[in-house]
Amino acid sequence: MARRFLFLLGSSRPDGNTELLARRAAEQLPQDTEQRWISLAEHSLPDFEDLRHDSDHVRPREGAAAVLLDATLAATDVVIASPLYWYSVSATTKRYLDHWAGWLRVPGLDFKATMAGRTLWGVTALAHEEQVVADPLVGTLRNSAAYMGMRFGGVLLGNGSKPGDVLRDTEALTRAKTFFVQEAPLARFPYEEDGADARDVTP
């Protein structure tokens, strides 16, 4: 299957540091690699409504939810480009991931089976000098990929606060050149890597 990258921009402003870093990494992809870029701020999703004990979810046919679902299903590689907001993903990014729970329960969609084996990546810019503070964001993406049976390519981290700051982070720009080249392993929950028995835990 030819690779098709979906870049989901989770910033509240355009051309922010996270987007700049993601675009630098995307420049290294082969020219014939399909790329689709969607701003989650411009495709606003409603708050997720949990219907699992009341009724089935219905596949969205119009609006932002339909656009994002169709784009997600079409992608071989989903790139979450979210700034570090309060040590995790942005609100628009979290809302998008919340809607995965609904798509899992759309009859006939087979969302989990379709996404299994595909790859989830992350890109984020943070103002803090110590990158360990981004661990909650990394954990959100890694565990989401593990639950879905996806591969996880890791998170490309860059430093920046004011617009354009990340372009002075030479280490991040160097990592961006080879970020999407690496082989992405099958995602695992931390307890699986510790040798514990895997469990099916619904997010």
Protein backbone atom coordinates (compact mmCIF):
# COMPACT_ATOMS: atom_id res chain seq x y z
CA MET A 1 0.00 0.00 0.00
CA ALA A 2 1.35 3.41 -0.98
CA ARG A 3 1.90 5.60 2.06
CA ARG A 4 -0.60 8.37 2.66
CA PHE A 5 0.21 10.81 5.45
CA LEU A 6 -2.49 12.68 7.35
CA PHE A 7 -1.15 15.64 9.35
CA LEU A 8 -3.57 16.83 12.01
CA LEU A 9 -2.66 20.28 13.31
CA GLY A 10 -3.78 20.74 16.91
CA SER A 11 -2.59 24.28 17.53
CA SER A 12 -4.93 27.19 18.20
CA ARG A 13 -2.94 29.36 15.78
CA PRO A 14 -1.60 28.80 12.25
CA ASP A 15 2.09 28.50 11.47
CA GLY A 16 3.00 27.79 15.08
CA ASN A 17 6.20 26.09 16.16
CA THR A 18 4.68 22.61 16.10
CA GLU A 19 3.40 23.05 12.56
CA LEU A 20 6.74 24.48 11.41
CA LEU A 21 8.56 21.45 12.83
CA ALA A 22 6.06 19.03 11.29
CA ARG A 23 6.46 20.66 7.87
CA ARG A 24 10.25 20.42 8.11
CA ALA A 25 9.92 16.69 8.79
CA ALA A 26 7.38 16.29 5.97
CA GLU A 27 9.78 17.93 3.51
CA GLN A 28 11.97 14.84 3.81
CA LEU A 29 9.27 12.47 2.56
CA PRO A 30 9.56 11.21 -1.03
CA GLN A 31 7.94 13.61 -3.46
CA ASP A 32 5.33 11.07 -4.52
CA THR A 33 4.14 10.51 -0.94
CA GLU A 34 0.59 11.77 -0.50
CA GLN A 35 0.19 14.36 2.25
CA ARG A 36 -3.02 15.83 3.61
CA TRP A 37 -2.94 18.62 6.18
CA ILE A 38 -6.01 19.39 8.31
CA SER A 39 -6.28 22.05 10.99
CA LEU A 40 -8.41 20.79 13.86
CA ALA A 41 -9.17 24.40 14.79
CA GLU A 42 -10.72 24.91 11.34
CA HIS A 43 -12.62 21.60 11.51
CA SER A 44 -14.20 21.97 14.91
CA LEU A 45 -15.68 18.80 16.33
CA PRO A 46 -18.54 18.78 18.84
CA ASP A 47 -17.83 17.47 22.30
CA PHE A 48 -17.84 13.68 22.25
CA GLU A 49 -21.03 12.03 23.53
CA ASP A 50 -20.61 8.56 24.99
CA LEU A 51 -23.54 6.43 23.79
CA ARG A 52 -22.11 2.97 24.42
CA HIS A 53 -24.72 1.97 27.01
CA ASP A 54 -27.64 3.66 25.24
CA SER A 55 -27.42 3.20 21.48
CA ASP A 56 -25.00 2.67 18.61
CA HIS A 57 -23.05 5.52 17.13
CA VAL A 58 -23.96 6.50 13.57
CA ARG A 59 -21.34 7.15 10.93
CA PRO A 60 -21.08 10.92 10.33
CA ARG A 61 -21.98 11.89 6.77
CA GLU A 62 -21.31 15.61 6.83
CA GLY A 63 -19.38 18.27 8.67
CA ALA A 64 -16.02 18.10 10.40
CA ALA A 65 -16.61 14.64 11.86
CA ALA A 66 -17.18 13.14 8.41
CA VAL A 67 -14.12 14.89 6.96
CA LEU A 68 -11.88 13.72 9.79
CA LEU A 69 -13.21 10.16 9.85
CA ASP A 70 -12.78 9.70 6.09
CA ALA A 71 -9.31 11.24 6.18
CA THR A 72 -8.27 9.03 9.08
CA LEU A 73 -9.50 5.86 7.40
CA ALA A 74 -7.67 6.78 4.18
CA ALA A 75 -4.31 7.37 5.88
CA THR A 76 -1.56 4.83 6.33
CA ASP A 77 0.25 7.27 8.64
CA VAL A 78 -1.51 9.62 11.06
CA VAL A 79 0.62 12.45 12.42
CA ILE A 80 -0.67 14.26 15.49
CA ALA A 81 1.01 17.69 15.48
CA SER A 82 -0.06 19.17 18.79
CA PRO A 83 1.74 21.73 20.91
CA LEU A 84 2.31 20.77 24.53
CA TYR A 85 -0.64 22.40 26.33
CA TRP A 86 -0.59 21.87 30.10
CA TYR A 87 1.72 18.90 29.58
CA SER A 88 -0.55 17.01 27.21
CA VAL A 89 -2.19 17.35 23.82
CA SER A 90 -4.32 20.37 22.95
CA ALA A 91 -8.08 20.41 23.53
CA THR A 92 -8.86 20.04 19.81
CA THR A 93 -6.50 17.07 19.57
CA LYS A 94 -8.02 15.40 22.62
CA ARG A 95 -11.52 15.93 21.21
CA TYR A 96 -10.44 14.27 17.95
CA LEU A 97 -9.08 11.26 19.85
CA ASP A 98 -12.27 11.12 21.93
CA HIS A 99 -14.23 10.69 18.71
CA TRP A 100 -12.21 7.54 18.00
CA ALA A 101 -14.20 5.95 20.84
CA GLY A 102 -17.40 6.67 18.92
CA TRP A 103 -16.00 5.48 15.60
CA LEU A 104 -15.06 2.21 17.30
CA ARG A 105 -18.76 1.62 17.90
CA VAL A 106 -20.21 2.46 14.49
CA PRO A 107 -21.75 -0.78 13.19
CA GLY A 108 -19.99 -2.07 10.09
CA LEU A 109 -17.19 0.48 10.18
CA ASP A 110 -14.53 -1.82 11.71
CA PHE A 111 -12.51 1.22 12.72
CA LYS A 112 -10.11 -0.66 14.98
CA ALA A 113 -9.46 -3.42 12.47
CA THR A 114 -8.92 -0.88 9.70
CA MET A 115 -6.40 1.15 11.68
CA ALA A 116 -4.49 -1.87 13.02
CA GLY A 117 -1.00 -2.03 11.55
CA ARG A 118 -1.01 1.59 10.44
CA THR A 119 1.31 4.10 12.06
CA LEU A 120 0.71 6.91 14.54
CA TRP A 121 3.33 9.65 14.88
CA GLY A 122 3.57 12.75 17.04
CA VAL A 123 5.17 16.16 16.66
CA THR A 124 5.19 18.76 19.42
CA ALA A 125 6.89 21.98 20.43
CA LEU A 126 7.30 22.88 24.08
CA ALA A 127 8.69 25.90 25.88
CA HIS A 128 10.26 23.89 28.70
CA GLU A 129 13.93 23.00 28.38
CA GLU A 130 13.50 19.53 29.90
CA GLN A 131 11.77 17.30 27.38
CA VAL A 132 10.67 14.82 30.04
CA VAL A 133 7.73 17.12 30.81
CA ALA A 134 6.21 16.00 27.50
CA ASP A 135 5.92 12.40 28.75
CA PRO A 136 2.13 12.67 29.33
CA LEU A 137 1.63 13.70 25.68
CA VAL A 138 3.87 10.89 24.48
CA GLY A 139 2.00 8.44 26.69
CA THR A 140 -1.38 9.53 25.32
CA LEU A 141 -0.30 8.86 21.75
CA ARG A 142 1.64 5.70 22.48
CA ASN A 143 -1.16 4.11 24.51
CA SER A 144 -3.77 5.11 21.92
CA ALA A 145 -1.70 3.40 19.24
CA ALA A 146 -1.25 0.33 21.43
CA TYR A 147 -4.97 -0.01 22.05
CA MET A 148 -5.67 0.27 18.31
CA GLY A 149 -3.03 -2.26 17.33
CA MET A 150 -1.13 0.44 15.46
CA ARG A 151 2.55 1.09 15.07
CA PHE A 152 4.03 4.05 16.91
CA GLY A 153 6.79 6.13 15.36
CA GLY A 154 7.43 8.20 18.46
CA VAL A 155 7.20 11.93 18.99
CA LEU A 156 9.44 14.54 17.39
CA LEU A 157 10.13 17.13 20.07
CA GLY A 158 11.24 20.69 19.50
CA ASN A 159 11.76 23.72 21.71
CA GLY A 160 9.94 26.96 21.07
CA SER A 161 7.71 29.58 22.66
CA LYS A 162 7.55 32.64 20.43
CA PRO A 163 6.53 32.07 16.79
CA GLY A 164 9.46 30.70 14.80
CA ASP A 165 11.56 29.76 17.83
CA VAL A 166 11.68 26.09 16.84
CA LEU A 167 13.59 26.98 13.67
CA ARG A 168 16.52 27.82 15.95
CA ASP A 169 16.42 24.40 17.59
CA THR A 170 19.13 22.79 15.49
CA GLU A 171 18.87 19.43 17.24
CA ALA A 172 15.15 19.19 16.50
CA LEU A 173 15.67 20.19 12.87
CA THR A 174 18.34 17.51 12.55
CA ARG A 175 16.00 14.87 13.99
CA ALA A 176 13.27 16.06 11.62
CA LYS A 177 15.37 15.09 8.61
CA THR A 178 15.15 11.40 9.43
CA PHE A 179 12.06 11.23 11.65
CA PHE A 180 9.72 9.58 9.14
CA VAL A 181 12.47 7.33 7.78
CA GLN A 182 12.71 5.20 10.90
CA GLU A 183 10.92 1.88 11.14
CA ALA A 184 7.97 2.24 13.49
CA PRO A 185 7.51 -0.73 15.84
CA LEU A 186 4.16 -2.11 16.92
CA ALA A 187 2.98 -0.01 19.85
CA ARG A 188 2.95 -1.62 23.28
CA PHE A 189 1.53 -0.56 26.61
CA PRO A 190 4.24 -0.03 29.24
CA TYR A 191 2.97 -3.01 31.25
CA GLU A 192 3.32 -5.26 28.21
CA GLU A 193 6.96 -4.32 27.86
CA ASP A 194 7.42 -5.13 31.54
CA GLY A 195 6.26 -8.69 30.84
CA ALA A 196 2.78 -8.37 32.30
CA ASP A 197 -0.22 -9.94 30.60
CA ALA A 198 -1.93 -7.72 28.03
CA ARG A 199 -5.50 -6.65 28.75
CA ASP A 200 -8.12 -5.06 26.54
CA VAL A 201 -8.73 -1.72 28.23
CA THR A 202 -11.18 0.60 26.50
CA PRO A 203 -10.00 4.21 26.51
